Amino acid sequence: MRKSCKFVVPTVPLASVSALCKGLESLLNGTEEIRNLKCKFNFAAIWAFGGQLMMKDGIEYRKNFSDFWVTEFKKYVKFPRVGTVFDINMVEDGDNITFGEWDVATIEFNSTTQ
């Protein structure tokens, strides 16, 4: 990945591994089903390893990363066919967690209500 992507902010590999561990720590509650672990791991890993990528020199490195990630992990996790892996979020449906679009996973916020 380091050979085919340019990072906007230079990082050392250990920083990405640390971000993955912190991301997993915040997502795991200790009672996960295996099928849910796959989504949680992929979500944390996508942001840990690809979150610092941007467009540079006219090349959209997030898109390149997204194409790589979906190709490598599509046999383990079903990704929605929208934008890139950065356009998806985890959606809970009862005991199952899947990937969905951000607008499905977010709630509307109204600052005038109390």
Protein backbone atom coordinates (compact mmCIF):
# COMPACT_ATOMS: atom_id res chain seq x y z
CA MET A 1 0.00 0.00 0.00
CA ARG A 2 2.82 2.41 0.79
CA LYS A 3 4.20 1.94 -2.73
CA SER A 4 0.92 2.71 -4.50
CA CYS A 5 -0.48 5.43 -2.21
CA LYS A 6 0.80 8.83 -1.16
CA PHE A 7 -0.15 9.93 2.32
CA VAL A 8 -1.06 13.57 2.93
CA VAL A 9 0.35 13.30 6.43
CA PRO A 10 3.44 11.08 6.67
CA THR A 11 2.89 8.26 9.14
CA VAL A 12 4.84 5.32 10.44
CA PRO A 13 3.27 1.84 10.18
CA LEU A 14 3.00 1.57 13.96
CA ALA A 15 0.64 4.59 14.01
CA SER A 16 -1.77 2.75 11.69
CA VAL A 17 -1.60 -0.40 13.81
CA SER A 18 -2.24 1.68 16.94
CA ALA A 19 -5.23 3.35 15.24
CA LEU A 20 -6.59 -0.09 14.33
CA CYS A 21 -6.28 -1.30 17.93
CA LYS A 22 -7.94 1.85 19.31
CA GLY A 23 -10.71 1.60 16.71
CA LEU A 24 -11.39 -2.04 17.59
CA GLU A 25 -11.28 -1.25 21.29
CA SER A 26 -14.01 1.34 20.84
CA LEU A 27 -16.19 -0.96 18.71
CA LEU A 28 -15.96 -4.23 20.64
CA ASN A 29 -18.13 -4.96 23.64
CA GLY A 30 -17.08 -8.55 24.31
CA THR A 31 -20.24 -10.30 23.13
CA GLU A 32 -19.76 -10.15 19.35
CA GLU A 33 -20.84 -12.81 16.94
CA ILE A 34 -18.22 -13.82 14.36
CA ARG A 35 -20.26 -12.28 11.53
CA ASN A 36 -20.29 -8.94 13.39
CA LEU A 37 -16.54 -9.09 14.09
CA LYS A 38 -15.86 -9.10 10.35
CA CYS A 39 -17.72 -5.82 9.84
CA LYS A 40 -16.23 -4.19 12.92
CA PHE A 41 -12.69 -5.23 11.98
CA ASN A 42 -13.09 -4.02 8.40
CA PHE A 43 -14.55 -0.70 9.52
CA ALA A 44 -11.70 -0.08 11.98
CA ALA A 45 -9.04 -1.22 9.49
CA ILE A 46 -10.40 0.91 6.64
CA TRP A 47 -10.13 4.07 8.73
CA ALA A 48 -6.85 3.08 10.41
CA PHE A 49 -5.02 2.31 7.16
CA GLY A 50 -6.84 4.51 4.67
CA GLY A 51 -8.17 7.40 6.72
CA GLN A 52 -5.16 9.63 6.11
CA LEU A 53 -5.34 9.25 2.31
CA MET A 54 -6.59 12.12 0.16
CA MET A 55 -6.28 13.45 -3.37
CA LYS A 56 -2.72 14.45 -4.19
CA ASP A 57 -1.15 15.37 -7.51
CA GLY A 58 -4.50 14.78 -9.24
CA ILE A 59 -4.78 11.19 -8.02
CA GLU A 60 -7.62 10.15 -5.67
CA TYR A 61 -5.78 7.78 -3.35
CA ARG A 62 -8.87 7.04 -1.25
CA LYS A 63 -10.57 5.66 -4.37
CA ASN A 64 -7.52 3.51 -5.14
CA PHE A 65 -7.47 2.24 -1.55
CA SER A 66 -11.21 1.56 -1.67
CA ASP A 67 -10.92 -0.46 -4.88
CA PHE A 68 -8.07 -2.46 -3.37
CA TRP A 69 -9.94 -3.08 -0.11
CA VAL A 70 -13.19 -4.21 -1.71
CA THR A 71 -11.33 -6.53 -4.07
CA GLU A 72 -9.35 -8.13 -1.25
CA PHE A 73 -12.15 -8.48 1.32
CA LYS A 74 -15.37 -8.91 -0.68
CA LYS A 75 -15.37 -12.66 -0.03
CA TYR A 76 -15.56 -12.00 3.73
CA VAL A 77 -17.80 -8.93 3.97
CA LYS A 78 -20.56 -7.59 1.74
CA PHE A 79 -19.91 -3.96 0.80
CA PRO A 80 -22.74 -1.76 -0.50
CA ARG A 81 -22.31 -0.51 -4.05
CA VAL A 82 -22.04 3.17 -3.18
CA GLY A 83 -19.04 5.45 -3.59
CA THR A 84 -16.03 4.18 -1.70
CA VAL A 85 -15.48 2.28 1.54
CA PHE A 86 -15.30 5.70 3.19
CA ASP A 87 -18.97 6.29 2.27
CA ILE A 88 -20.25 3.38 4.36
CA ASN A 89 -21.01 2.89 8.02
CA MET A 90 -22.04 -0.01 10.21
CA VAL A 91 -25.80 -0.49 10.50
CA GLU A 92 -27.30 -2.54 13.32
CA ASP A 93 -30.31 -4.68 12.48
CA GLY A 94 -31.18 -6.53 15.63
CA ASP A 95 -28.23 -8.79 16.45
CA ASN A 96 -26.67 -8.38 13.00
CA ILE A 97 -24.32 -5.65 11.87
CA THR A 98 -23.92 -4.92 8.17
CA PHE A 99 -22.50 -2.11 6.10
CA GLY A 100 -24.82 0.59 4.86
CA GLU A 101 -24.74 4.17 3.69
CA TRP A 102 -23.96 6.92 6.20
CA ASP A 103 -27.37 8.55 5.74
CA VAL A 104 -29.07 5.29 6.77
CA ALA A 105 -26.92 4.93 9.87
CA THR A 106 -27.22 8.48 11.15
CA ILE A 107 -30.05 10.20 12.93
CA GLU A 108 -31.33 13.64 12.15
CA PHE A 109 -30.20 16.30 14.61
CA ASN A 110 -32.21 19.39 15.33
CA SER A 111 -30.42 21.96 17.50
CA THR A 112 -33.66 23.74 18.42
CA THR A 113 -35.18 20.78 20.27
CA GLN A 114 -34.30 20.12 23.87
